[in-house]
Amino acid sequence: EGNPIRMIGTIQDITERKRMEEELRRQREDFQTIFDTAPDIIFYLDKEHRVIQANRAAVAVLNRPLEAILGKTTFDLFPRQAANFVADDNEVISSGQPKLDIVEEYSLPSGALAWAKTHKLPYRDKDGNIAGVIVFAQDITAQKQSDEKLREQERHFRTLIEHSTDLISILREDGVITYQSPSVNRLLGYRSEDLVGQDALALIHPEDRQRVAAGIQRTTQ
């Protein structure tokens, strides 16, 4: 009468598949955690220079949500520096070789300029073909500002001593002259460049050398 009298079924053990799926999920979560907590700015760009992934540091620098970054091009995000950025990216894509330690300016959303040390690596798909570029950028603005401040202080110091009427010498611990102010020409008749690398004590009167040597030793201790 068409009523079922028995049922036939199969049972497939999918324990291994589930284990592999769980392991893959865990690996993805681990990668995302590392990706988002990395202090460096990280972008994944395709061959058309569109952002396909960006970490939290990149989101913070651009001051916009991730959804407003994904799909944007380098020209959209960094219009002032895009030509240079894209040229480097294309070099990595065409050569398949990383380009490291690129020191370059970039514009913040506020319009202010910042500095980064950038590493660019080829990004490959599952078949090993180059699909774009991975960009790692470390903000070095504070370091650049500190370096510039130090250079400005050095220029100021050099200006002061080069126009000083006093005799100014800078010595190593062993008494060798590393800098001699131009005033030595007027006071002693020497050219400053001729004294650099010379033993300062050799220029001192023999009767005063021991006293001057002791003074140099006290200063450098």
C-alpha atoms as a PDB file:
ATOM      1  CA  GLU A   1       0.000   0.000   0.000  1.00  0.00           C
ATOM      2  CA  GLY A   2       3.044   2.254  -0.313  1.00  0.00           C
ATOM      3  CA  ASN A   3       3.775   2.568   3.381  1.00  0.00           C
ATOM      4  CA  PRO A   4       7.475   2.543   4.317  1.00  0.00           C
ATOM      5  CA  ILE A   5       8.505  -0.620   6.061  1.00  0.00           C
ATOM      6  CA  ARG A   6      12.141   0.217   6.718  1.00  0.00           C
ATOM      7  CA  MET A   7      14.657   3.122   6.403  1.00  0.00           C
ATOM      8  CA  ILE A   8      18.181   2.921   5.077  1.00  0.00           C
ATOM      9  CA  GLY A   9      20.724   5.620   5.994  1.00  0.00           C
ATOM     10  CA  THR A  10      24.442   6.189   6.221  1.00  0.00           C
ATOM     11  CA  ILE A  11      26.557   7.750   8.898  1.00  0.00           C
ATOM     12  CA  GLN A  12      29.775   9.508   7.925  1.00  0.00           C
ATOM     13  CA  ASP A  13      32.438  10.291  10.472  1.00  0.00           C
ATOM     14  CA  ILE A  14      33.296  13.990   9.999  1.00  0.00           C
ATOM     15  CA  THR A  15      35.359  14.335  13.169  1.00  0.00           C
ATOM     16  CA  GLU A  16      38.586  15.009  11.267  1.00  0.00           C
ATOM     17  CA  ARG A  17      36.916  17.549   8.985  1.00  0.00           C
ATOM     18  CA  LYS A  18      35.439  19.377  11.977  1.00  0.00           C
ATOM     19  CA  ARG A  19      38.801  19.325  13.687  1.00  0.00           C
ATOM     20  CA  MET A  20      40.465  20.841  10.626  1.00  0.00           C
ATOM     21  CA  GLU A  21      37.749  23.497  10.326  1.00  0.00           C
ATOM     22  CA  GLU A  22      38.205  24.421  13.972  1.00  0.00           C
ATOM     23  CA  GLU A  23      41.982  24.585  13.557  1.00  0.00           C
ATOM     24  CA  LEU A  24      41.596  26.815  10.506  1.00  0.00           C
ATOM     25  CA  ARG A  25      39.182  29.084  12.395  1.00  0.00           C
ATOM     26  CA  ARG A  26      41.632  29.346  15.303  1.00  0.00           C
ATOM     27  CA  GLN A  27      44.523  30.178  12.964  1.00  0.00           C
ATOM     28  CA  ARG A  28      42.466  32.907  11.307  1.00  0.00           C
ATOM     29  CA  GLU A  29      41.577  34.383  14.694  1.00  0.00           C
ATOM     30  CA  ASP A  30      45.231  34.292  15.750  1.00  0.00           C
ATOM     31  CA  PHE A  31      46.278  36.015  12.529  1.00  0.00           C
ATOM     32  CA  GLN A  32      43.603  38.697  12.945  1.00  0.00           C
ATOM     33  CA  THR A  33      44.708  39.341  16.520  1.00  0.00           C
ATOM     34  CA  ILE A  34      48.349  39.756  15.484  1.00  0.00           C
ATOM     35  CA  PHE A  35      47.339  41.823  12.445  1.00  0.00           C
ATOM     36  CA  ASP A  36      45.208  44.233  14.454  1.00  0.00           C
ATOM     37  CA  THR A  37      47.518  44.584  17.462  1.00  0.00           C
ATOM     38  CA  ALA A  38      50.685  45.188  15.424  1.00  0.00           C
ATOM     39  CA  PRO A  39      52.004  48.713  16.086  1.00  0.00           C
ATOM     40  CA  ASP A  40      53.017  49.162  12.446  1.00  0.00           C
ATOM     41  CA  ILE A  41      50.593  50.407   9.815  1.00  0.00           C
ATOM     42  CA  ILE A  42      49.719  47.491   7.503  1.00  0.00           C
ATOM     43  CA  PHE A  43      47.913  47.590   4.166  1.00  0.00           C
ATOM     44  CA  TYR A  44      47.195  44.861   1.645  1.00  0.00           C
ATOM     45  CA  LEU A  45      46.854  46.370  -1.840  1.00  0.00           C
ATOM     46  CA  ASP A  46      45.845  44.671  -5.064  1.00  0.00           C
ATOM     47  CA  LYS A  47      47.448  45.338  -8.446  1.00  0.00           C
ATOM     48  CA  GLU A  48      45.105  48.286  -9.015  1.00  0.00           C
ATOM     49  CA  HIS A  49      46.379  49.794  -5.760  1.00  0.00           C
ATOM     50  CA  ARG A  50      43.067  49.271  -3.994  1.00  0.00           C
ATOM     51  CA  VAL A  51      43.081  48.488  -0.269  1.00  0.00           C
ATOM     52  CA  ILE A  52      41.826  44.963   0.352  1.00  0.00           C
ATOM     53  CA  GLN A  53      42.821  44.847   4.030  1.00  0.00           C
ATOM     54  CA  ALA A  54      44.086  47.293   6.657  1.00  0.00           C
ATOM     55  CA  ASN A  55      44.857  46.886  10.342  1.00  0.00           C
ATOM     56  CA  ARG A  56      43.788  49.026  13.286  1.00  0.00           C
ATOM     57  CA  ALA A  57      46.961  51.128  13.175  1.00  0.00           C
ATOM     58  CA  ALA A  58      46.149  52.074   9.573  1.00  0.00           C
ATOM     59  CA  VAL A  59      42.560  52.877  10.521  1.00  0.00           C
ATOM     60  CA  ALA A  60      43.807  55.108  13.348  1.00  0.00           C
ATOM     61  CA  VAL A  61      46.238  57.016  11.114  1.00  0.00           C
ATOM     62  CA  LEU A  62      43.606  57.618   8.431  1.00  0.00           C
ATOM     63  CA  ASN A  63      41.015  58.515  11.078  1.00  0.00           C
ATOM     64  CA  ARG A  64      38.170  56.800   9.278  1.00  0.00           C
ATOM     65  CA  PRO A  65      36.357  53.450   9.709  1.00  0.00           C
ATOM     66  CA  LEU A  66      37.680  50.372   7.991  1.00  0.00           C
ATOM     67  CA  GLU A  67      34.624  50.275   5.725  1.00  0.00           C
ATOM     68  CA  ALA A  68      35.593  53.702   4.375  1.00  0.00           C
ATOM     69  CA  ILE A  69      39.138  52.476   3.592  1.00  0.00           C
ATOM     70  CA  LEU A  70      38.532  49.119   1.925  1.00  0.00           C
ATOM     71  CA  GLY A  71      38.298  49.463  -1.836  1.00  0.00           C
ATOM     72  CA  LYS A  72      39.909  52.901  -1.850  1.00  0.00           C
ATOM     73  CA  THR A  73      43.014  53.439  -3.932  1.00  0.00           C
ATOM     74  CA  THR A  74      46.336  54.945  -2.954  1.00  0.00           C
ATOM     75  CA  PHE A  75      45.298  58.029  -4.917  1.00  0.00           C
ATOM     76  CA  ASP A  76      42.143  58.318  -2.800  1.00  0.00           C
ATOM     77  CA  LEU A  77      43.931  58.001   0.532  1.00  0.00           C
ATOM     78  CA  PHE A  78      47.249  59.754  -0.141  1.00  0.00           C
ATOM     79  CA  PRO A  79      46.708  62.040  -3.151  1.00  0.00           C
ATOM     80  CA  ARG A  80      49.810  64.173  -2.523  1.00  0.00           C
ATOM     81  CA  GLN A  81      52.248  61.256  -2.314  1.00  0.00           C
ATOM     82  CA  ALA A  82      50.360  58.696  -4.422  1.00  0.00           C
ATOM     83  CA  ALA A  83      52.610  58.928  -7.485  1.00  0.00           C
ATOM     84  CA  ASN A  84      55.710  57.973  -5.462  1.00  0.00           C
ATOM     85  CA  PHE A  85      53.876  55.289  -3.480  1.00  0.00           C
ATOM     86  CA  VAL A  86      52.445  53.678  -6.623  1.00  0.00           C
ATOM     87  CA  ALA A  87      55.831  53.741  -8.368  1.00  0.00           C
ATOM     88  CA  ASP A  88      57.336  51.748  -5.493  1.00  0.00           C
ATOM     89  CA  ASP A  89      54.377  49.346  -5.467  1.00  0.00           C
ATOM     90  CA  ASN A  90      54.673  48.724  -9.205  1.00  0.00           C
ATOM     91  CA  GLU A  91      58.387  48.028  -8.814  1.00  0.00           C
ATOM     92  CA  VAL A  92      57.638  45.353  -6.202  1.00  0.00           C
ATOM     93  CA  ILE A  93      54.846  43.854  -8.333  1.00  0.00           C
ATOM     94  CA  SER A  94      56.932  43.713 -11.513  1.00  0.00           C
ATOM     95  CA  SER A  95      60.134  42.448  -9.872  1.00  0.00           C
ATOM     96  CA  GLY A  96      58.632  40.141  -7.256  1.00  0.00           C
ATOM     97  CA  GLN A  97      61.249  41.486  -4.845  1.00  0.00           C
ATOM     98  CA  PRO A  98      60.629  43.400  -1.613  1.00  0.00           C
ATOM     99  CA  LYS A  99      61.604  47.037  -1.292  1.00  0.00           C
ATOM    100  CA  LEU A 100      62.743  47.876   2.221  1.00  0.00           C
ATOM    101  CA  ASP A 101      63.606  50.864   4.408  1.00  0.00           C
ATOM    102  CA  ILE A 102      61.846  53.501   2.319  1.00  0.00           C
ATOM    103  CA  VAL A 103      61.821  56.744   4.311  1.00  0.00           C
ATOM    104  CA  GLU A 104      59.045  58.973   3.034  1.00  0.00           C
ATOM    105  CA  GLU A 105      56.537  61.654   3.943  1.00  0.00           C
ATOM    106  CA  TYR A 106      52.809  61.063   4.063  1.00  0.00           C
ATOM    107  CA  SER A 107      49.849  63.350   4.705  1.00  0.00           C
ATOM    108  CA  LEU A 108      47.561  62.959   7.703  1.00  0.00           C
ATOM    109  CA  PRO A 109      43.822  63.684   7.354  1.00  0.00           C
ATOM    110  CA  SER A 110      44.458  66.969   9.177  1.00  0.00           C
ATOM    111  CA  GLY A 111      46.791  68.036   6.367  1.00  0.00           C
ATOM    112  CA  ALA A 112      49.875  67.769   8.565  1.00  0.00           C
ATOM    113  CA  LEU A 113      52.875  65.885   7.208  1.00  0.00           C
ATOM    114  CA  ALA A 114      54.276  62.827   8.952  1.00  0.00           C
ATOM    115  CA  TRP A 115      57.205  60.486   8.257  1.00  0.00           C
ATOM    116  CA  ALA A 116      57.297  56.717   7.896  1.00  0.00           C
ATOM    117  CA  LYS A 117      59.860  53.998   7.302  1.00  0.00           C
ATOM    118  CA  THR A 118      58.148  51.598   4.904  1.00  0.00           C
ATOM    119  CA  HIS A 119      58.740  48.026   3.792  1.00  0.00           C
ATOM    120  CA  LYS A 120      56.872  46.688   0.751  1.00  0.00           C
ATOM    121  CA  LEU A 121      56.593  42.980  -0.051  1.00  0.00           C
ATOM    122  CA  PRO A 122      54.910  41.140  -2.909  1.00  0.00           C
ATOM    123  CA  TYR A 123      51.532  39.671  -1.977  1.00  0.00           C
ATOM    124  CA  ARG A 124      50.856  36.298  -3.652  1.00  0.00           C
ATOM    125  CA  ASP A 125      47.634  34.364  -4.177  1.00  0.00           C
ATOM    126  CA  LYS A 126      47.115  30.654  -3.407  1.00  0.00           C
ATOM    127  CA  ASP A 127      48.726  29.721  -6.736  1.00  0.00           C
ATOM    128  CA  GLY A 128      51.863  31.741  -6.048  1.00  0.00           C
ATOM    129  CA  ASN A 129      51.039  34.533  -8.482  1.00  0.00           C
ATOM    130  CA  ILE A 130      51.677  38.105  -7.409  1.00  0.00           C
ATOM    131  CA  ALA A 131      48.326  39.663  -6.539  1.00  0.00           C
ATOM    132  CA  GLY A 132      49.499  42.917  -5.036  1.00  0.00           C
ATOM    133  CA  VAL A 133      51.648  44.421  -2.304  1.00  0.00           C
ATOM    134  CA  ILE A 134      51.797  44.214   1.477  1.00  0.00           C
ATOM    135  CA  VAL A 135      52.842  47.532   3.022  1.00  0.00           C
ATOM    136  CA  PHE A 136      54.388  47.751   6.491  1.00  0.00           C
ATOM    137  CA  ALA A 137      54.920  51.350   7.636  1.00  0.00           C
ATOM    138  CA  GLN A 138      56.454  52.480  10.928  1.00  0.00           C
ATOM    139  CA  ASP A 139      55.727  56.063  11.908  1.00  0.00           C
ATOM    140  CA  ILE A 140      59.039  57.829  12.589  1.00  0.00           C
ATOM    141  CA  THR A 141      57.743  61.395  12.816  1.00  0.00           C
ATOM    142  CA  ALA A 142      58.962  61.875  16.397  1.00  0.00           C
ATOM    143  CA  GLN A 143      62.406  60.531  15.464  1.00  0.00           C
ATOM    144  CA  LYS A 144      62.637  62.833  12.431  1.00  0.00           C
ATOM    145  CA  GLN A 145      61.602  65.819  14.537  1.00  0.00           C
ATOM    146  CA  SER A 146      64.173  64.903  17.183  1.00  0.00           C
ATOM    147  CA  ASP A 147      66.887  64.509  14.535  1.00  0.00           C
ATOM    148  CA  GLU A 148      66.005  67.874  13.010  1.00  0.00           C
ATOM    149  CA  LYS A 149      66.059  69.537  16.437  1.00  0.00           C
ATOM    150  CA  LEU A 150      69.498  68.049  17.084  1.00  0.00           C
ATOM    151  CA  ARG A 151      70.766  69.262  13.684  1.00  0.00           C
ATOM    152  CA  GLU A 152      69.413  72.736  14.442  1.00  0.00           C
ATOM    153  CA  GLN A 153      71.203  72.752  17.807  1.00  0.00           C
ATOM    154  CA  GLU A 154      74.412  71.628  16.114  1.00  0.00           C
ATOM    155  CA  ARG A 155      74.101  74.406  13.525  1.00  0.00           C
ATOM    156  CA  HIS A 156      73.493  76.936  16.300  1.00  0.00           C
ATOM    157  CA  PHE A 157      76.448  75.643  18.308  1.00  0.00           C
ATOM    158  CA  ARG A 158      78.738  75.686  15.270  1.00  0.00           C
ATOM    159  CA  THR A 159      77.689  79.248  14.425  1.00  0.00           C
ATOM    160  CA  LEU A 160      78.477  80.385  17.959  1.00  0.00           C
ATOM    161  CA  ILE A 161      81.911  78.810  18.173  1.00  0.00           C
ATOM    162  CA  GLU A 162      82.932  79.755  14.636  1.00  0.00           C
ATOM    163  CA  HIS A 163      82.245  83.420  15.400  1.00  0.00           C
ATOM    164  CA  SER A 164      83.688  83.330  18.901  1.00  0.00           C
ATOM    165  CA  THR A 165      86.806  85.366  19.645  1.00  0.00           C
ATOM    166  CA  ASP A 166      87.874  82.691  22.158  1.00  0.00           C
ATOM    167  CA  LEU A 167      90.029  79.713  21.260  1.00  0.00           C
ATOM    168  CA  ILE A 168      87.768  76.635  21.302  1.00  0.00           C
ATOM    169  CA  SER A 169      89.010  73.077  20.822  1.00  0.00           C
ATOM    170  CA  ILE A 170      87.167  69.762  21.022  1.00  0.00           C
ATOM    171  CA  LEU A 171      89.372  66.811  22.007  1.00  0.00           C
ATOM    172  CA  ARG A 172      89.018  63.072  22.243  1.00  0.00           C
ATOM    173  CA  GLU A 173      89.887  61.364  25.513  1.00  0.00           C
ATOM    174  CA  ASP A 174      93.412  60.760  24.240  1.00  0.00           C
ATOM    175  CA  GLY A 175      93.898  64.477  23.580  1.00  0.00           C
ATOM    176  CA  VAL A 176      93.558  64.355  19.782  1.00  0.00           C
ATOM    177  CA  ILE A 177      91.840  67.425  18.333  1.00  0.00           C
ATOM    178  CA  THR A 178      88.532  66.677  16.568  1.00  0.00           C
ATOM    179  CA  TYR A 179      87.454  70.315  16.119  1.00  0.00           C
ATOM    180  CA  GLN A 180      89.319  73.605  16.221  1.00  0.00           C
ATOM    181  CA  SER A 181      87.632  76.991  16.027  1.00  0.00           C
ATOM    182  CA  PRO A 182      88.729  79.405  13.274  1.00  0.00           C
ATOM    183  CA  SER A 183      89.917  81.879  15.923  1.00  0.00           C
ATOM    184  CA  VAL A 184      93.131  79.819  16.220  1.00  0.00           C
ATOM    185  CA  ASN A 185      94.364  81.457  13.037  1.00  0.00           C
ATOM    186  CA  ARG A 186      94.091  84.942  14.481  1.00  0.00           C
ATOM    187  CA  LEU A 187      95.397  84.012  17.933  1.00  0.00           C
ATOM    188  CA  LEU A 188      98.135  81.479  17.143  1.00  0.00           C
ATOM    189  CA  GLY A 189      98.630  81.662  13.391  1.00  0.00           C
ATOM    190  CA  TYR A 190      97.485  78.078  12.690  1.00  0.00           C
ATOM    191  CA  ARG A 191      94.806  77.003  10.243  1.00  0.00           C
ATOM    192  CA  SER A 192      92.069  75.121  12.086  1.00  0.00           C
ATOM    193  CA  GLU A 193      91.939  72.320   9.480  1.00  0.00           C
ATOM    194  CA  ASP A 194      95.669  71.684   9.970  1.00  0.00           C
ATOM    195  CA  LEU A 195      95.173  71.007  13.679  1.00  0.00           C
ATOM    196  CA  VAL A 196      92.334  68.486  13.429  1.00  0.00           C
ATOM    197  CA  GLY A 197      93.772  65.027  14.110  1.00  0.00           C
ATOM    198  CA  GLN A 198      96.817  66.432  15.921  1.00  0.00           C
ATOM    199  CA  ASP A 199      97.776  65.757  19.525  1.00  0.00           C
ATOM    200  CA  ALA A 200      96.772  68.883  21.431  1.00  0.00           C
ATOM    201  CA  LEU A 201      99.538  68.373  23.996  1.00  0.00           C
ATOM    202  CA  ALA A 202     102.150  68.661  21.256  1.00  0.00           C
ATOM    203  CA  LEU A 203     101.081  72.301  20.847  1.00  0.00           C
ATOM    204  CA  ILE A 204     101.479  73.060  24.546  1.00  0.00           C
ATOM    205  CA  HIS A 205     104.721  74.441  25.979  1.00  0.00           C
ATOM    206  CA  PRO A 206     106.719  71.545  27.513  1.00  0.00           C
ATOM    207  CA  GLU A 207     106.615  73.140  30.965  1.00  0.00           C
ATOM    208  CA  ASP A 208     102.776  73.214  30.872  1.00  0.00           C
ATOM    209  CA  ARG A 209     102.052  69.826  29.291  1.00  0.00           C
ATOM    210  CA  GLN A 210     101.753  67.831  32.503  1.00  0.00           C
ATOM    211  CA  ARG A 211      99.318  70.327  34.014  1.00  0.00           C
ATOM    212  CA  VAL A 212      97.201  70.480  30.844  1.00  0.00           C
ATOM    213  CA  ALA A 213      97.214  66.663  30.520  1.00  0.00           C
ATOM    214  CA  ALA A 214      95.965  66.343  34.072  1.00  0.00           C
ATOM    215  CA  GLY A 215      93.201  68.847  33.326  1.00  0.00           C
ATOM    216  CA  ILE A 216      92.118  66.897  30.238  1.00  0.00           C
ATOM    217  CA  GLN A 217      92.053  63.675  32.254  1.00  0.00           C
ATOM    218  CA  ARG A 218      89.878  65.226  34.979  1.00  0.00           C
ATOM    219  CA  THR A 219      87.458  66.577  32.377  1.00  0.00           C
ATOM    220  CA  THR A 220      86.990  63.231  30.657  1.00  0.00           C
ATOM    221  CA  GLN A 221      86.567  61.144  33.805  1.00  0.00           C
END
